Amino acid sequence: QVTLVESGGGLVQAGDSLRLSCAASGRIYSSTFMAWFRQAPGKEREFVAGIRWGVGNTYYTDSVKGRFTISRDNAKKTLSLQMDSLKPEDTAVYYCHVHHHWDNTDYWGQGTQVTIST
């Protein structure tokens, strides 16, 4: 069982920065894939960025490449998302996600609201 708690959302202006954090409790393995997803009103949840916990390989959706940076702190079991040059279209609820490859299980956080004003 894994519990995820996100923090760091808020209301900022276009061009500003925000940093999201996700604190994980429970077992995190080197093969675990952790990611950020987001869901805007009226839209499906979409992948934003992900990282392989052990080796640290990172992945991004095209719309955030060069603006967002995903990172993890192994010792603290914390996942972060640094978001720079924010745009109104980044407005969404952001969710932390864990996927365990060894037993094919998924866990989600409760979400944190990010709102970008023009």
N, C-alpha and C. Protein backbone atom coordinates (compact mmCIF):
# COMPACT_ATOMS: atom_id res chain seq x y z
N GLN A 1 0.85 -1.20 0.00
CA GLN A 1 0.00 0.00 0.00
C GLN A 1 0.88 1.24 0.00
N VAL A 2 0.51 2.21 -0.82
CA VAL A 2 1.25 3.46 -0.92
C VAL A 2 0.26 4.61 -0.76
N THR A 3 0.61 5.57 0.07
CA THR A 3 -0.18 6.79 0.23
C THR A 3 0.61 7.96 -0.32
N LEU A 4 -0.06 8.79 -1.11
CA LEU A 4 0.59 9.94 -1.74
C LEU A 4 -0.13 11.21 -1.32
N VAL A 5 0.64 12.21 -0.91
CA VAL A 5 0.08 13.49 -0.50
C VAL A 5 0.77 14.60 -1.27
N GLU A 6 -0.01 15.30 -2.10
CA GLU A 6 0.54 16.40 -2.89
C GLU A 6 0.43 17.72 -2.13
N SER A 7 1.30 18.64 -2.50
CA SER A 7 1.24 20.00 -1.97
C SER A 7 1.90 20.94 -2.97
N GLY A 8 1.65 22.23 -2.79
CA GLY A 8 2.33 23.23 -3.60
C GLY A 8 1.51 23.90 -4.68
N GLY A 9 0.27 23.48 -4.84
CA GLY A 9 -0.57 24.12 -5.85
C GLY A 9 -0.94 25.54 -5.43
N GLY A 10 -1.59 26.25 -6.35
CA GLY A 10 -2.02 27.59 -6.02
C GLY A 10 -2.43 28.37 -7.25
N LEU A 11 -2.62 29.67 -7.05
CA LEU A 11 -3.01 30.58 -8.12
C LEU A 11 -1.84 31.51 -8.41
N VAL A 12 -1.36 31.50 -9.64
CA VAL A 12 -0.27 32.38 -10.04
C VAL A 12 -0.59 32.98 -11.41
N GLN A 13 0.22 33.93 -11.81
CA GLN A 13 0.03 34.57 -13.11
C GLN A 13 0.85 33.85 -14.18
N ALA A 14 0.43 34.05 -15.40
CA ALA A 14 1.18 33.48 -16.53
C ALA A 14 2.62 33.96 -16.48
N GLY A 15 3.53 33.02 -16.71
CA GLY A 15 4.95 33.33 -16.67
C GLY A 15 5.61 33.05 -15.33
N ASP A 16 4.80 32.86 -14.29
CA ASP A 16 5.32 32.56 -12.96
C ASP A 16 5.73 31.10 -12.84
N SER A 17 6.22 30.75 -11.67
CA SER A 17 6.66 29.39 -11.38
C SER A 17 5.93 28.83 -10.17
N LEU A 18 5.82 27.52 -10.13
CA LEU A 18 5.30 26.80 -8.98
C LEU A 18 6.08 25.51 -8.83
N ARG A 19 6.16 25.03 -7.61
CA ARG A 19 6.81 23.75 -7.36
C ARG A 19 5.84 22.85 -6.60
N LEU A 20 5.52 21.73 -7.21
CA LEU A 20 4.66 20.74 -6.57
C LEU A 20 5.51 19.67 -5.90
N SER A 21 5.00 19.18 -4.78
CA SER A 21 5.68 18.09 -4.09
C SER A 21 4.69 16.97 -3.81
N CYS A 22 5.22 15.77 -3.75
CA CYS A 22 4.41 14.59 -3.46
C CYS A 22 5.19 13.73 -2.47
N ALA A 23 4.64 13.59 -1.28
CA ALA A 23 5.27 12.76 -0.26
C ALA A 23 4.65 11.38 -0.29
N ALA A 24 5.49 10.38 -0.42
CA ALA A 24 5.02 9.00 -0.51
C ALA A 24 5.32 8.24 0.77
N SER A 25 4.34 7.49 1.22
CA SER A 25 4.57 6.56 2.33
C SER A 25 4.24 5.16 1.83
N GLY A 26 4.98 4.19 2.35
CA GLY A 26 4.82 2.83 1.85
C GLY A 26 6.04 2.44 1.04
N ARG A 27 5.96 1.29 0.39
CA ARG A 27 7.11 0.75 -0.30
C ARG A 27 7.28 1.38 -1.68
N ILE A 28 8.46 1.92 -1.93
CA ILE A 28 8.85 2.43 -3.23
C ILE A 28 10.08 1.63 -3.65
N TYR A 29 10.05 1.04 -4.84
CA TYR A 29 11.11 0.19 -5.31
C TYR A 29 11.89 0.89 -6.42
N SER A 30 13.04 0.35 -6.71
CA SER A 30 13.85 0.93 -7.78
C SER A 30 13.14 0.84 -9.12
N SER A 31 12.26 -0.14 -9.26
CA SER A 31 11.54 -0.30 -10.52
C SER A 31 10.24 0.52 -10.57
N THR A 32 9.94 1.19 -9.48
CA THR A 32 8.71 1.99 -9.43
C THR A 32 8.80 3.16 -10.41
N PHE A 33 7.68 3.43 -11.05
CA PHE A 33 7.57 4.60 -11.92
C PHE A 33 6.66 5.60 -11.24
N MET A 34 7.17 6.80 -11.00
CA MET A 34 6.36 7.84 -10.38
C MET A 34 6.13 8.95 -11.39
N ALA A 35 4.95 9.54 -11.34
CA ALA A 35 4.62 10.51 -12.37
C ALA A 35 3.65 11.56 -11.85
N TRP A 36 3.54 12.62 -12.62
CA TRP A 36 2.52 13.65 -12.43
C TRP A 36 1.56 13.58 -13.61
N PHE A 37 0.29 13.59 -13.29
CA PHE A 37 -0.77 13.71 -14.27
C PHE A 37 -1.54 14.98 -13.96
N ARG A 38 -2.34 15.43 -14.91
CA ARG A 38 -3.20 16.58 -14.65
C ARG A 38 -4.53 16.39 -15.36
N GLN A 39 -5.53 17.05 -14.80
CA GLN A 39 -6.85 17.00 -15.40
C GLN A 39 -7.48 18.38 -15.36
N ALA A 40 -7.72 18.92 -16.54
CA ALA A 40 -8.38 20.21 -16.66
C ALA A 40 -9.89 20.00 -16.73
N PRO A 41 -10.66 21.01 -16.41
CA PRO A 41 -12.13 20.88 -16.46
C PRO A 41 -12.61 20.43 -17.83
N GLY A 42 -13.42 19.40 -17.85
CA GLY A 42 -13.99 18.91 -19.09
C GLY A 42 -13.05 18.09 -19.95
N LYS A 43 -11.86 17.81 -19.43
CA LYS A 43 -10.88 17.04 -20.21
C LYS A 43 -10.48 15.78 -19.47
N GLU A 44 -9.89 14.85 -20.20
CA GLU A 44 -9.40 13.63 -19.58
C GLU A 44 -8.08 13.89 -18.85
N ARG A 45 -7.83 13.03 -17.89
CA ARG A 45 -6.55 13.11 -17.18
C ARG A 45 -5.43 12.77 -18.15
N GLU A 46 -4.35 13.55 -18.10
CA GLU A 46 -3.25 13.34 -19.02
C GLU A 46 -1.91 13.25 -18.29
N PHE A 47 -1.00 12.50 -18.88
CA PHE A 47 0.35 12.38 -18.35
C PHE A 47 1.10 13.69 -18.56
N VAL A 48 1.85 14.11 -17.54
CA VAL A 48 2.64 15.34 -17.63
C VAL A 48 4.14 15.01 -17.63
N ALA A 49 4.58 14.29 -16.62
CA ALA A 49 5.99 13.96 -16.48
C ALA A 49 6.13 12.74 -15.59
N GLY A 50 7.19 11.96 -15.84
CA GLY A 50 7.42 10.77 -15.04
C GLY A 50 8.89 10.50 -14.85
N ILE A 51 9.19 9.65 -13.87
CA ILE A 51 10.58 9.34 -13.56
C ILE A 51 10.67 7.90 -13.05
N ARG A 52 11.68 7.19 -13.51
CA ARG A 52 11.95 5.85 -13.01
C ARG A 52 12.73 6.00 -11.71
N TRP A 53 12.17 5.50 -10.61
CA TRP A 53 12.68 5.81 -9.29
C TRP A 53 14.14 5.42 -9.13
N GLY A 54 14.52 4.28 -9.62
CA GLY A 54 15.87 3.79 -9.39
C GLY A 54 16.92 4.52 -10.22
N VAL A 55 16.76 4.53 -11.53
CA VAL A 55 17.80 5.09 -12.40
C VAL A 55 17.60 6.58 -12.66
N GLY A 56 16.40 7.08 -12.43
CA GLY A 56 16.18 8.51 -12.57
C GLY A 56 15.86 8.98 -13.98
N ASN A 57 15.62 8.07 -14.91
CA ASN A 57 15.24 8.50 -16.27
C ASN A 57 13.93 9.28 -16.21
N THR A 58 13.89 10.37 -16.95
CA THR A 58 12.72 11.24 -16.93
C THR A 58 12.02 11.29 -18.28
N TYR A 59 10.72 11.57 -18.21
CA TYR A 59 9.87 11.60 -19.40
C TYR A 59 8.90 12.76 -19.26
N TYR A 60 8.61 13.44 -20.39
CA TYR A 60 7.73 14.59 -20.37
C TYR A 60 6.80 14.57 -21.57
N THR A 61 5.60 15.08 -21.36
CA THR A 61 4.74 15.32 -22.50
C THR A 61 5.27 16.54 -23.24
N ASP A 62 5.03 16.59 -24.53
CA ASP A 62 5.65 17.63 -25.36
C ASP A 62 5.32 19.05 -24.90
N SER A 63 4.11 19.25 -24.42
CA SER A 63 3.67 20.61 -24.09
C SER A 63 4.40 21.21 -22.89
N VAL A 64 5.10 20.40 -22.11
CA VAL A 64 5.79 20.94 -20.93
C VAL A 64 7.31 20.81 -21.03
N LYS A 65 7.80 20.22 -22.08
CA LYS A 65 9.26 20.07 -22.23
C LYS A 65 9.93 21.42 -22.25
N GLY A 66 11.00 21.54 -21.49
CA GLY A 66 11.72 22.80 -21.41
C GLY A 66 11.17 23.76 -20.37
N ARG A 67 9.99 23.46 -19.82
CA ARG A 67 9.38 24.34 -18.82
C ARG A 67 9.24 23.63 -17.47
N PHE A 68 8.97 22.34 -17.49
CA PHE A 68 8.77 21.58 -16.26
C PHE A 68 9.95 20.65 -16.04
N THR A 69 10.27 20.43 -14.76
CA THR A 69 11.34 19.50 -14.40
C THR A 69 10.86 18.60 -13.28
N ILE A 70 10.91 17.31 -13.51
CA ILE A 70 10.53 16.34 -12.48
C ILE A 70 11.79 15.84 -11.80
N SER A 71 11.69 15.62 -10.48
CA SER A 71 12.84 15.13 -9.74
C SER A 71 12.34 14.31 -8.55
N ARG A 72 13.26 13.55 -7.95
CA ARG A 72 12.87 12.80 -6.77
C ARG A 72 13.98 12.82 -5.74
N ASP A 73 13.59 12.68 -4.49
CA ASP A 73 14.51 12.57 -3.37
C ASP A 73 14.32 11.16 -2.82
N ASN A 74 15.27 10.30 -3.10
CA ASN A 74 15.12 8.89 -2.71
C ASN A 74 15.00 8.72 -1.19
N ALA A 75 15.82 9.45 -0.47
CA ALA A 75 15.84 9.29 0.98
C ALA A 75 14.52 9.72 1.62
N LYS A 76 13.95 10.79 1.09
CA LYS A 76 12.71 11.32 1.67
C LYS A 76 11.48 10.75 0.99
N LYS A 77 11.66 9.96 -0.07
CA LYS A 77 10.55 9.43 -0.86
C LYS A 77 9.61 10.55 -1.28
N THR A 78 10.20 11.57 -1.85
CA THR A 78 9.45 12.73 -2.30
C THR A 78 9.65 12.96 -3.78
N LEU A 79 8.55 13.21 -4.46
CA LEU A 79 8.57 13.52 -5.88
C LEU A 79 8.24 15.00 -6.04
N SER A 80 8.95 15.68 -6.93
CA SER A 80 8.71 17.10 -7.13
C SER A 80 8.49 17.41 -8.61
N LEU A 81 7.79 18.51 -8.84
CA LEU A 81 7.61 19.00 -10.20
C LEU A 81 7.81 20.51 -10.17
N GLN A 82 8.93 20.95 -10.74
CA GLN A 82 9.20 22.37 -10.86
C GLN A 82 8.58 22.85 -12.16
N MET A 83 7.67 23.81 -12.04
CA MET A 83 6.96 24.30 -13.21
C MET A 83 7.31 25.76 -13.44
N ASP A 84 7.95 26.05 -14.53
CA ASP A 84 8.35 27.40 -14.89
C ASP A 84 7.60 27.87 -16.13
N SER A 85 7.61 29.18 -16.34
CA SER A 85 6.96 29.76 -17.52
C SER A 85 5.55 29.23 -17.68
N LEU A 86 4.80 29.27 -16.61
CA LEU A 86 3.46 28.70 -16.62
C LEU A 86 2.53 29.46 -17.56
N LYS A 87 1.62 28.69 -18.15
CA LYS A 87 0.66 29.23 -19.11
C LYS A 87 -0.75 28.96 -18.61
N PRO A 88 -1.72 29.74 -19.06
CA PRO A 88 -3.11 29.47 -18.64
C PRO A 88 -3.55 28.04 -18.96
N GLU A 89 -3.06 27.46 -20.03
CA GLU A 89 -3.44 26.10 -20.39
C GLU A 89 -2.84 25.04 -19.47
N ASP A 90 -1.97 25.45 -18.55
CA ASP A 90 -1.46 24.52 -17.54
C ASP A 90 -2.43 24.39 -16.36
N THR A 91 -3.47 25.20 -16.36
CA THR A 91 -4.47 25.14 -15.29
C THR A 91 -5.12 23.78 -15.25
N ALA A 92 -5.06 23.14 -14.08
CA ALA A 92 -5.61 21.79 -13.91
C ALA A 92 -5.43 21.35 -12.47
N VAL A 93 -6.04 20.24 -12.15
CA VAL A 93 -5.71 19.54 -10.91
C VAL A 93 -4.57 18.58 -11.23
N TYR A 94 -3.52 18.68 -10.46
CA TYR A 94 -2.33 17.85 -10.68
C TYR A 94 -2.31 16.70 -9.68
N TYR A 95 -2.08 15.51 -10.20
CA TYR A 95 -2.10 14.29 -9.40
C TYR A 95 -0.74 13.60 -9.43
N CYS A 96 -0.35 13.14 -8.27
CA CYS A 96 0.83 12.30 -8.15
C CYS A 96 0.41 10.84 -8.36
N HIS A 97 1.25 10.08 -9.02
CA HIS A 97 0.90 8.71 -9.37
C HIS A 97 2.10 7.79 -9.18
N VAL A 98 1.82 6.61 -8.68
CA VAL A 98 2.84 5.57 -8.53
C VAL A 98 2.39 4.32 -9.26
N HIS A 99 3.29 3.73 -10.01
CA HIS A 99 3.04 2.44 -10.64
C HIS A 99 4.15 1.47 -10.24
N HIS A 100 3.72 0.37 -9.61
CA HIS A 100 4.66 -0.69 -9.27
C HIS A 100 4.63 -1.73 -10.38
N HIS A 101 5.79 -1.90 -11.03
CA HIS A 101 5.84 -2.87 -12.12
C HIS A 101 5.73 -4.30 -11.63
N TRP A 102 6.25 -4.56 -10.41
CA TRP A 102 6.37 -5.95 -9.98
C TRP A 102 5.01 -6.61 -9.76
N ASP A 103 4.01 -5.82 -9.35
CA ASP A 103 2.68 -6.40 -9.17
C ASP A 103 1.61 -5.64 -9.94
N ASN A 104 2.04 -4.72 -10.79
CA ASN A 104 1.13 -3.97 -11.66
C ASN A 104 0.05 -3.24 -10.88
N THR A 105 0.45 -2.56 -9.81
CA THR A 105 -0.52 -1.80 -9.01
C THR A 105 -0.27 -0.30 -9.19
N ASP A 106 -1.34 0.46 -9.03
CA ASP A 106 -1.30 1.91 -9.20
C ASP A 106 -1.89 2.60 -7.99
N TYR A 107 -1.30 3.76 -7.67
CA TYR A 107 -1.78 4.56 -6.56
C TYR A 107 -1.83 6.02 -7.01
N TRP A 108 -2.83 6.74 -6.47
CA TRP A 108 -3.01 8.15 -6.81
C TRP A 108 -3.09 9.00 -5.56
N GLY A 109 -2.60 10.22 -5.67
CA GLY A 109 -2.81 11.20 -4.63
C GLY A 109 -4.17 11.84 -4.79
N GLN A 110 -4.48 12.76 -3.89
CA GLN A 110 -5.80 13.40 -3.89
C GLN A 110 -5.88 14.56 -4.88
N GLY A 111 -4.73 15.03 -5.33
CA GLY A 111 -4.69 16.12 -6.30
C GLY A 111 -4.48 17.47 -5.66
N THR A 112 -3.86 18.36 -6.41
CA THR A 112 -3.67 19.74 -5.96
C THR A 112 -3.98 20.67 -7.13
N GLN A 113 -4.73 21.73 -6.84
CA GLN A 113 -5.20 22.63 -7.89
C GLN A 113 -4.10 23.63 -8.28
N VAL A 114 -3.88 23.74 -9.56
CA VAL A 114 -2.97 24.76 -10.12
C VAL A 114 -3.79 25.63 -11.06
N THR A 115 -3.80 26.93 -10.79
CA THR A 115 -4.56 27.86 -11.62
C THR A 115 -3.64 28.97 -12.09
N ILE A 116 -3.62 29.16 -13.41
CA ILE A 116 -2.76 30.18 -14.00
C ILE A 116 -3.65 31.25 -14.61
N SER A 117 -3.49 32.48 -14.14
CA SER A 117 -4.29 33.58 -14.65
C SER A 117 -3.51 34.35 -15.72
N THR A 118 -4.25 35.01 -16.59
CA THR A 118 -3.62 35.79 -17.66
C THR A 118 -3.26 37.18 -17.17
